[in-house]
C-alpha atoms as a PDB file:
ATOM      1  CA  UNK A   1      36.102  10.562 -23.366  1.00  0.00           C
ATOM      2  CA  UNK A   2      36.294   7.180 -25.105  1.00  0.00           C
ATOM      3  CA  UNK A   3      33.138   5.162 -25.656  1.00  0.00           C
ATOM      4  CA  UNK A   4      32.276   3.192 -22.497  1.00  0.00           C
ATOM      5  CA  UNK A   5      34.669   5.193 -20.322  1.00  0.00           C
ATOM      6  CA  UNK A   6      33.238   6.422 -17.022  1.00  0.00           C
ATOM      7  CA  UNK A   7      32.992  10.156 -16.386  1.00  0.00           C
ATOM      8  CA  UNK A   8      35.637  11.288 -13.909  1.00  0.00           C
ATOM      9  CA  UNK A   9      33.147  12.113 -11.174  1.00  0.00           C
ATOM     10  CA  UNK A  10      31.677   8.594 -11.299  1.00  0.00           C
ATOM     11  CA  UNK A  11      35.153   7.059 -11.149  1.00  0.00           C
ATOM     12  CA  UNK A  12      36.020   9.123  -8.071  1.00  0.00           C
ATOM     13  CA  UNK A  13      32.645   8.372  -6.466  1.00  0.00           C
ATOM     14  CA  UNK A  14      33.203   4.667  -7.153  1.00  0.00           C
ATOM     15  CA  UNK A  15      36.583   4.635  -5.442  1.00  0.00           C
ATOM     16  CA  UNK A  16      35.255   6.505  -2.420  1.00  0.00           C
ATOM     17  CA  UNK A  17      32.228   4.183  -2.323  1.00  0.00           C
ATOM     18  CA  UNK A  18      34.533   1.178  -2.257  1.00  0.00           C
ATOM     19  CA  UNK A  19      36.412   2.631   0.715  1.00  0.00           C
ATOM     20  CA  UNK A  20      33.097   3.095   2.538  1.00  0.00           C
ATOM     21  CA  UNK A  21      31.953  -0.454   1.767  1.00  0.00           C
ATOM     22  CA  UNK A  22      35.250  -2.039   2.836  1.00  0.00           C
ATOM     23  CA  UNK A  23      35.429   0.006   6.033  1.00  0.00           C
ATOM     24  CA  UNK A  24      38.452   2.077   5.085  1.00  0.00           C
ATOM     25  CA  UNK A  25      36.095   5.004   5.622  1.00  0.00           C
ATOM     26  CA  UNK A  26      33.967   3.760   8.554  1.00  0.00           C
ATOM     27  CA  UNK A  27      30.701   5.322   9.725  1.00  0.00           C
ATOM     28  CA  UNK A  28      30.974   8.794  11.306  1.00  0.00           C
ATOM     29  CA  UNK A  29      34.312   9.350   9.549  1.00  0.00           C
ATOM     30  CA  UNK A  30      34.698  12.690   7.791  1.00  0.00           C
ATOM     31  CA  UNK A  31      34.838  12.339   4.018  1.00  0.00           C
ATOM     32  CA  UNK A  32      38.005  13.823   2.459  1.00  0.00           C
ATOM     33  CA  UNK A  33      37.492  17.494   1.715  1.00  0.00           C
ATOM     34  CA  UNK A  34      36.892  18.764  -1.784  1.00  0.00           C
ATOM     35  CA  UNK A  35      40.479  20.021  -1.926  1.00  0.00           C
ATOM     36  CA  UNK A  36      41.804  16.645  -0.740  1.00  0.00           C
ATOM     37  CA  UNK A  37      39.776  14.767  -3.349  1.00  0.00           C
ATOM     38  CA  UNK A  38      40.997  17.157  -6.026  1.00  0.00           C
ATOM     39  CA  UNK A  39      44.636  16.597  -5.077  1.00  0.00           C
ATOM     40  CA  UNK A  40      44.435  12.829  -4.470  1.00  0.00           C
ATOM     41  CA  UNK A  41      42.614  11.992  -7.697  1.00  0.00           C
ATOM     42  CA  UNK A  42      43.965  14.765  -9.889  1.00  0.00           C
ATOM     43  CA  UNK A  43      40.545  16.152 -10.764  1.00  0.00           C
ATOM     44  CA  UNK A  44      38.913  19.551 -10.806  1.00  0.00           C
ATOM     45  CA  UNK A  45      36.843  21.093  -8.032  1.00  0.00           C
ATOM     46  CA  UNK A  46      33.743  20.485 -10.132  1.00  0.00           C
ATOM     47  CA  UNK A  47      34.498  16.772 -10.445  1.00  0.00           C
ATOM     48  CA  UNK A  48      35.231  16.490  -6.698  1.00  0.00           C
ATOM     49  CA  UNK A  49      31.960  18.233  -5.870  1.00  0.00           C
ATOM     50  CA  UNK A  50      29.938  16.035  -8.242  1.00  0.00           C
ATOM     51  CA  UNK A  51      31.497  12.885  -6.769  1.00  0.00           C
ATOM     52  CA  UNK A  52      30.422  13.943  -3.282  1.00  0.00           C
ATOM     53  CA  UNK A  53      26.924  14.682  -4.591  1.00  0.00           C
ATOM     54  CA  UNK A  54      26.708  11.139  -5.964  1.00  0.00           C
ATOM     55  CA  UNK A  55      27.588   9.644  -2.577  1.00  0.00           C
ATOM     56  CA  UNK A  56      25.063  11.889  -0.850  1.00  0.00           C
ATOM     57  CA  UNK A  57      22.349  10.903  -3.340  1.00  0.00           C
ATOM     58  CA  UNK A  58      23.135   7.237  -2.637  1.00  0.00           C
ATOM     59  CA  UNK A  59      22.725   7.826   1.084  1.00  0.00           C
ATOM     60  CA  UNK A  60      26.299   6.843   1.890  1.00  0.00           C
ATOM     61  CA  UNK A  61      27.310  10.223   3.301  1.00  0.00           C
ATOM     62  CA  UNK A  62      25.559  13.195   4.857  1.00  0.00           C
ATOM     63  CA  UNK A  63      26.443  16.852   5.119  1.00  0.00           C
ATOM     64  CA  UNK A  64      26.662  18.590   8.474  1.00  0.00           C
ATOM     65  CA  UNK A  65      26.363  22.351   8.455  1.00  0.00           C
ATOM     66  CA  UNK A  66      29.681  24.012   9.190  1.00  0.00           C
ATOM     67  CA  UNK A  67      31.398  20.674   9.810  1.00  0.00           C
ATOM     68  CA  UNK A  68      31.762  18.784   6.561  1.00  0.00           C
ATOM     69  CA  UNK A  69      30.520  15.577   4.995  1.00  0.00           C
ATOM     70  CA  UNK A  70      30.489  12.339   6.999  1.00  0.00           C
ATOM     71  CA  UNK A  71      29.969   8.659   6.268  1.00  0.00           C
ATOM     72  CA  UNK A  72      26.514   7.563   7.391  1.00  0.00           C
ATOM     73  CA  UNK A  73      25.715   4.576   9.541  1.00  0.00           C
ATOM     74  CA  UNK A  74      24.516   1.776   7.294  1.00  0.00           C
ATOM     75  CA  UNK A  75      21.298   0.351   8.731  1.00  0.00           C
ATOM     76  CA  UNK A  76      20.856  -3.408   8.810  1.00  0.00           C
ATOM     77  CA  UNK A  77      17.651  -4.010   6.821  1.00  0.00           C
ATOM     78  CA  UNK A  78      14.770  -5.600   8.695  1.00  0.00           C
ATOM     79  CA  UNK A  79      12.094  -7.709   7.107  1.00  0.00           C
ATOM     80  CA  UNK A  80       8.600  -6.392   6.572  1.00  0.00           C
ATOM     81  CA  UNK A  81       6.653  -9.644   6.373  1.00  0.00           C
ATOM     82  CA  UNK A  82       3.512  -9.787   4.249  1.00  0.00           C
ATOM     83  CA  UNK A  83       1.248 -12.820   4.544  1.00  0.00           C
ATOM     84  CA  UNK A  84      -2.092 -11.495   3.386  1.00  0.00           C
ATOM     85  CA  UNK A  85      -4.898 -11.461   5.915  1.00  0.00           C
ATOM     86  CA  UNK A  86      -4.608 -13.864   8.811  1.00  0.00           C
ATOM     87  CA  UNK A  87      -7.402 -14.624  11.238  1.00  0.00           C
ATOM     88  CA  UNK A  88      -5.689 -14.201  14.577  1.00  0.00           C
ATOM     89  CA  UNK A  89      -7.428 -13.625  17.888  1.00  0.00           C
ATOM     90  CA  UNK A  90      -7.058 -10.017  19.015  1.00  0.00           C
ATOM     91  CA  UNK A  91      -5.053  -9.229  15.879  1.00  0.00           C
ATOM     92  CA  UNK A  92      -4.125  -5.529  15.941  1.00  0.00           C
ATOM     93  CA  UNK A  93      -3.729  -3.090  13.086  1.00  0.00           C
ATOM     94  CA  UNK A  94       0.046  -3.204  13.510  1.00  0.00           C
ATOM     95  CA  UNK A  95       0.144  -6.990  13.478  1.00  0.00           C
ATOM     96  CA  UNK A  96      -1.853  -7.134  10.258  1.00  0.00           C
ATOM     97  CA  UNK A  97       0.670  -4.888   8.515  1.00  0.00           C
ATOM     98  CA  UNK A  98       3.765  -6.448  10.093  1.00  0.00           C
ATOM     99  CA  UNK A  99       3.036 -10.156  10.407  1.00  0.00           C
ATOM    100  CA  UNK A 100       6.235 -11.001  12.280  1.00  0.00           C
ATOM    101  CA  UNK A 101       4.957 -11.739  15.775  1.00  0.00           C
ATOM    102  CA  UNK A 102       8.437 -11.240  17.257  1.00  0.00           C
ATOM    103  CA  UNK A 103       8.351  -7.538  16.365  1.00  0.00           C
ATOM    104  CA  UNK A 104       6.777  -5.290  19.015  1.00  0.00           C
ATOM    105  CA  UNK A 105       4.985  -2.294  17.621  1.00  0.00           C
ATOM    106  CA  UNK A 106       2.515   0.510  18.117  1.00  0.00           C
ATOM    107  CA  UNK A 107       0.641   2.870  15.809  1.00  0.00           C
ATOM    108  CA  UNK A 108      -1.105   6.219  15.642  1.00  0.00           C
ATOM    109  CA  UNK A 109      -4.017   6.928  13.333  1.00  0.00           C
ATOM    110  CA  UNK A 110      -6.268   9.778  12.285  1.00  0.00           C
ATOM    111  CA  UNK A 111      -9.288   9.700   9.977  1.00  0.00           C
ATOM    112  CA  UNK A 112     -11.204  12.298   8.007  1.00  0.00           C
ATOM    113  CA  UNK A 113     -13.703  12.398   5.159  1.00  0.00           C
ATOM    114  CA  UNK A 114     -12.647  13.767   1.784  1.00  0.00           C
ATOM    115  CA  UNK A 115     -13.459  13.575  -1.914  1.00  0.00           C
ATOM    116  CA  UNK A 116     -11.779  10.812  -3.886  1.00  0.00           C
ATOM    117  CA  UNK A 117      -9.127  11.942  -6.340  1.00  0.00           C
ATOM    118  CA  UNK A 118      -9.199  10.457  -9.830  1.00  0.00           C
ATOM    119  CA  UNK A 119      -6.413   8.017  -8.884  1.00  0.00           C
ATOM    120  CA  UNK A 120      -8.122   6.770  -5.719  1.00  0.00           C
ATOM    121  CA  UNK A 121     -11.485   6.657  -7.483  1.00  0.00           C
ATOM    122  CA  UNK A 122     -10.002   4.418 -10.178  1.00  0.00           C
ATOM    123  CA  UNK A 123      -8.616   2.065  -7.545  1.00  0.00           C
ATOM    124  CA  UNK A 124     -11.959   1.902  -5.725  1.00  0.00           C
ATOM    125  CA  UNK A 125     -14.067   1.763  -8.921  1.00  0.00           C
ATOM    126  CA  UNK A 126     -16.048   4.833  -7.896  1.00  0.00           C
ATOM    127  CA  UNK A 127     -16.533   8.247  -9.472  1.00  0.00           C
ATOM    128  CA  UNK A 128     -13.979  11.017  -8.801  1.00  0.00           C
ATOM    129  CA  UNK A 129     -15.319  13.321  -6.119  1.00  0.00           C
ATOM    130  CA  UNK A 130     -17.254  10.631  -4.281  1.00  0.00           C
ATOM    131  CA  UNK A 131     -16.781  10.759  -0.522  1.00  0.00           C
ATOM    132  CA  UNK A 132     -14.255   8.439   1.097  1.00  0.00           C
ATOM    133  CA  UNK A 133     -12.864   7.949   4.581  1.00  0.00           C
ATOM    134  CA  UNK A 134      -9.130   8.574   4.562  1.00  0.00           C
ATOM    135  CA  UNK A 135      -7.084   7.199   7.458  1.00  0.00           C
ATOM    136  CA  UNK A 136      -3.405   7.946   7.971  1.00  0.00           C
ATOM    137  CA  UNK A 137      -1.206   5.696  10.098  1.00  0.00           C
ATOM    138  CA  UNK A 138       2.285   5.871  11.544  1.00  0.00           C
ATOM    139  CA  UNK A 139       3.558   2.429  12.584  1.00  0.00           C
ATOM    140  CA  UNK A 140       6.488   2.055  14.972  1.00  0.00           C
ATOM    141  CA  UNK A 141       8.597  -1.069  15.469  1.00  0.00           C
ATOM    142  CA  UNK A 142      11.028  -1.243  18.386  1.00  0.00           C
ATOM    143  CA  UNK A 143       9.942   2.336  19.190  1.00  0.00           C
ATOM    144  CA  UNK A 144      11.197   3.605  15.816  1.00  0.00           C
ATOM    145  CA  UNK A 145       9.048   4.759  12.870  1.00  0.00           C
ATOM    146  CA  UNK A 146       8.824   1.844  10.446  1.00  0.00           C
ATOM    147  CA  UNK A 147       5.885   2.391   8.097  1.00  0.00           C
ATOM    148  CA  UNK A 148       3.406   4.999   6.972  1.00  0.00           C
ATOM    149  CA  UNK A 149       0.046   4.025   5.577  1.00  0.00           C
ATOM    150  CA  UNK A 150      -2.826   5.936   4.046  1.00  0.00           C
ATOM    151  CA  UNK A 151      -6.065   4.052   3.404  1.00  0.00           C
ATOM    152  CA  UNK A 152      -9.285   5.027   1.678  1.00  0.00           C
ATOM    153  CA  UNK A 153     -12.720   3.419   2.063  1.00  0.00           C
ATOM    154  CA  UNK A 154     -15.838   4.424   0.074  1.00  0.00           C
ATOM    155  CA  UNK A 155     -18.480   5.996   2.282  1.00  0.00           C
ATOM    156  CA  UNK A 156     -21.033   4.419  -0.033  1.00  0.00           C
ATOM    157  CA  UNK A 157     -20.021   1.180   1.735  1.00  0.00           C
ATOM    158  CA  UNK A 158     -19.173   2.186   5.305  1.00  0.00           C
ATOM    159  CA  UNK A 159     -21.205   5.369   5.735  1.00  0.00           C
ATOM    160  CA  UNK A 160     -23.929   5.158   8.383  1.00  0.00           C
ATOM    161  CA  UNK A 161     -22.498   1.864   9.705  1.00  0.00           C
ATOM    162  CA  UNK A 162     -20.740   1.000  12.990  1.00  0.00           C
ATOM    163  CA  UNK A 163     -17.443   0.533  11.078  1.00  0.00           C
ATOM    164  CA  UNK A 164     -17.333   4.014   9.567  1.00  0.00           C
ATOM    165  CA  UNK A 165     -14.072   4.807  11.400  1.00  0.00           C
ATOM    166  CA  UNK A 166     -11.340   2.127  11.177  1.00  0.00           C
ATOM    167  CA  UNK A 167      -9.857   2.962  14.574  1.00  0.00           C
ATOM    168  CA  UNK A 168     -13.020   3.746  16.502  1.00  0.00           C
ATOM    169  CA  UNK A 169     -16.171   1.828  17.378  1.00  0.00           C
ATOM    170  CA  UNK A 170     -16.800  -1.804  18.330  1.00  0.00           C
ATOM    171  CA  UNK A 171     -14.290  -3.210  15.803  1.00  0.00           C
ATOM    172  CA  UNK A 172     -11.624  -0.539  16.140  1.00  0.00           C
ATOM    173  CA  UNK A 173      -8.249  -1.779  14.956  1.00  0.00           C
ATOM    174  CA  UNK A 174      -9.533  -5.179  13.828  1.00  0.00           C
ATOM    175  CA  UNK A 175      -8.728  -4.630  10.175  1.00  0.00           C
ATOM    176  CA  UNK A 176     -10.639  -4.485   6.929  1.00  0.00           C
ATOM    177  CA  UNK A 177     -11.715  -8.141   6.760  1.00  0.00           C
ATOM    178  CA  UNK A 178     -13.383  -8.251  10.173  1.00  0.00           C
ATOM    179  CA  UNK A 179     -14.911  -4.810   9.799  1.00  0.00           C
ATOM    180  CA  UNK A 180     -16.418  -5.601   6.414  1.00  0.00           C
ATOM    181  CA  UNK A 181     -17.720  -8.937   7.699  1.00  0.00           C
ATOM    182  CA  UNK A 182     -19.634  -6.977  10.344  1.00  0.00           C
ATOM    183  CA  UNK A 183     -21.613  -5.272   7.566  1.00  0.00           C
ATOM    184  CA  UNK A 184     -22.115  -8.513   5.614  1.00  0.00           C
ATOM    185  CA  UNK A 185     -19.313  -8.068   3.072  1.00  0.00           C
ATOM    186  CA  UNK A 186     -16.964 -11.037   2.654  1.00  0.00           C
ATOM    187  CA  UNK A 187     -13.466  -9.997   1.645  1.00  0.00           C
ATOM    188  CA  UNK A 188     -12.208 -12.738  -0.652  1.00  0.00           C
ATOM    189  CA  UNK A 189      -9.185 -11.223  -2.371  1.00  0.00           C
ATOM    190  CA  UNK A 190      -6.344  -8.797  -1.726  1.00  0.00           C
ATOM    191  CA  UNK A 191      -3.958  -7.428  -4.338  1.00  0.00           C
ATOM    192  CA  UNK A 192      -0.615  -5.805  -3.535  1.00  0.00           C
ATOM    193  CA  UNK A 193       1.739  -4.036  -5.936  1.00  0.00           C
ATOM    194  CA  UNK A 194       5.250  -3.075  -4.800  1.00  0.00           C
ATOM    195  CA  UNK A 195       7.110  -0.155  -6.340  1.00  0.00           C
ATOM    196  CA  UNK A 196       9.958   2.196  -5.434  1.00  0.00           C
ATOM    197  CA  UNK A 197      10.311   5.954  -5.800  1.00  0.00           C
ATOM    198  CA  UNK A 198      12.125   8.888  -4.182  1.00  0.00           C
ATOM    199  CA  UNK A 199      10.599   9.626  -0.807  1.00  0.00           C
ATOM    200  CA  UNK A 200       8.644  12.822  -0.322  1.00  0.00           C
ATOM    201  CA  UNK A 201      10.123  15.198   2.229  1.00  0.00           C
ATOM    202  CA  UNK A 202       7.296  14.638   4.714  1.00  0.00           C
ATOM    203  CA  UNK A 203       7.568  10.852   4.315  1.00  0.00           C
ATOM    204  CA  UNK A 204      11.305  10.619   4.905  1.00  0.00           C
ATOM    205  CA  UNK A 205      11.043  13.064   7.802  1.00  0.00           C
ATOM    206  CA  UNK A 206       8.367  10.922   9.460  1.00  0.00           C
ATOM    207  CA  UNK A 207      10.410   7.770   8.839  1.00  0.00           C
ATOM    208  CA  UNK A 208      13.650   9.291  10.112  1.00  0.00           C
ATOM    209  CA  UNK A 209      15.348   9.112   6.722  1.00  0.00           C
ATOM    210  CA  UNK A 210      16.953  11.497   4.264  1.00  0.00           C
ATOM    211  CA  UNK A 211      14.750  13.524   1.860  1.00  0.00           C
ATOM    212  CA  UNK A 212      14.880  12.140  -1.666  1.00  0.00           C
ATOM    213  CA  UNK A 213      16.082   8.688  -0.687  1.00  0.00           C
ATOM    214  CA  UNK A 214      14.124   5.761  -2.055  1.00  0.00           C
ATOM    215  CA  UNK A 215      11.041   4.387  -0.361  1.00  0.00           C
ATOM    216  CA  UNK A 216       9.119   1.205  -1.028  1.00  0.00           C
ATOM    217  CA  UNK A 217       5.406   1.638  -1.687  1.00  0.00           C
ATOM    218  CA  UNK A 218       2.984  -1.253  -1.249  1.00  0.00           C
ATOM    219  CA  UNK A 219      -0.287  -0.358  -2.963  1.00  0.00           C
ATOM    220  CA  UNK A 220      -2.937  -2.702  -1.570  1.00  0.00           C
ATOM    221  CA  UNK A 221      -6.606  -3.176  -2.360  1.00  0.00           C
ATOM    222  CA  UNK A 222      -9.116  -5.442  -0.600  1.00  0.00           C
ATOM    223  CA  UNK A 223     -11.996  -6.869  -2.660  1.00  0.00           C
ATOM    224  CA  UNK A 224     -15.351  -8.373  -1.722  1.00  0.00           C
ATOM    225  CA  UNK A 225     -16.951 -10.195  -4.636  1.00  0.00           C
ATOM    226  CA  UNK A 226     -14.872  -8.169  -7.083  1.00  0.00           C
ATOM    227  CA  UNK A 227     -15.804  -4.861  -5.474  1.00  0.00           C
ATOM    228  CA  UNK A 228     -12.962  -2.820  -3.891  1.00  0.00           C
ATOM    229  CA  UNK A 229     -13.792  -2.032  -0.267  1.00  0.00           C
ATOM    230  CA  UNK A 230     -10.489  -0.471   0.774  1.00  0.00           C
ATOM    231  CA  UNK A 231      -7.283   0.652  -0.878  1.00  0.00           C
ATOM    232  CA  UNK A 232      -4.098   1.797   0.817  1.00  0.00           C
ATOM    233  CA  UNK A 233      -0.512   2.874   0.229  1.00  0.00           C
ATOM    234  CA  UNK A 234       2.021   1.521   2.735  1.00  0.00           C
ATOM    235  CA  UNK A 235       5.358   3.375   2.640  1.00  0.00           C
ATOM    236  CA  UNK A 236       8.656   2.303   4.218  1.00  0.00           C
ATOM    237  CA  UNK A 237      12.349   3.182   3.794  1.00  0.00           C
ATOM    238  CA  UNK A 238      14.014   1.132   1.073  1.00  0.00           C
ATOM    239  CA  UNK A 239      17.349   1.082   2.901  1.00  0.00           C
ATOM    240  CA  UNK A 240      15.848  -0.072   6.197  1.00  0.00           C
ATOM    241  CA  UNK A 241      13.326  -2.700   5.159  1.00  0.00           C
ATOM    242  CA  UNK A 242      12.985  -5.622   2.792  1.00  0.00           C
ATOM    243  CA  UNK A 243       9.498  -6.828   1.915  1.00  0.00           C
ATOM    244  CA  UNK A 244       9.161 -10.570   2.430  1.00  0.00           C
ATOM    245  CA  UNK A 245       6.065 -12.461   1.277  1.00  0.00           C
ATOM    246  CA  UNK A 246       4.968 -15.701   2.936  1.00  0.00           C
ATOM    247  CA  UNK A 247       2.513 -17.243   0.493  1.00  0.00           C
ATOM    248  CA  UNK A 248       0.606 -20.444   1.239  1.00  0.00           C
ATOM    249  CA  UNK A 249       0.713 -23.244  -1.305  1.00  0.00           C
ATOM    250  CA  UNK A 250      -2.762 -24.294  -2.395  1.00  0.00           C
END
């Protein structure tokens, strides 16, 4: 193979990808069989198989047991709007994560105490093994799973207070800023870092996606006077959502 020349399997995958993008192979259409690819492109069975694997890894096609490989529906990405904390009357947990007020949504949550791992301890500036309250959320938009979130709060801050549980008590669902204000902590900064990685099997299953496909991870930490009071990982499907930030000019 000459320098710069594409491997055969990538060339075949590229041509099939182009047919999918242009609509020559529309959604729900069966991908040409391995034998058909071999004959049409003059390649080996191994090359044909690798080309199909590339398309599956890219999320363009999916295998159906006993039926073949089919072109997937291509979702139209929705926007996941991030604006930082907004003081809004009766602002719900869902609305704080998805600031677009035109999007209807619901959520489920469960909390439990656990020991902080070294990673979470570093984010919260506490010692590994210290007790934290972990809360897991599933957010749904338009009745479909949209986001997963796992948050951690140091029990050295919230323990023995009315805001121990984020989704229970007098300020249930009101968010970190209001809950911390109730125990005389003023949240004055929030930091978010966005990254992408292959989705874990349980994440993509919960989000209705394909195992191994990319997810976006928003790692967020709330601070009060430089002290972290909550950190969280928000996970959403990279092919279904685009993160949009609305930042005020000061």
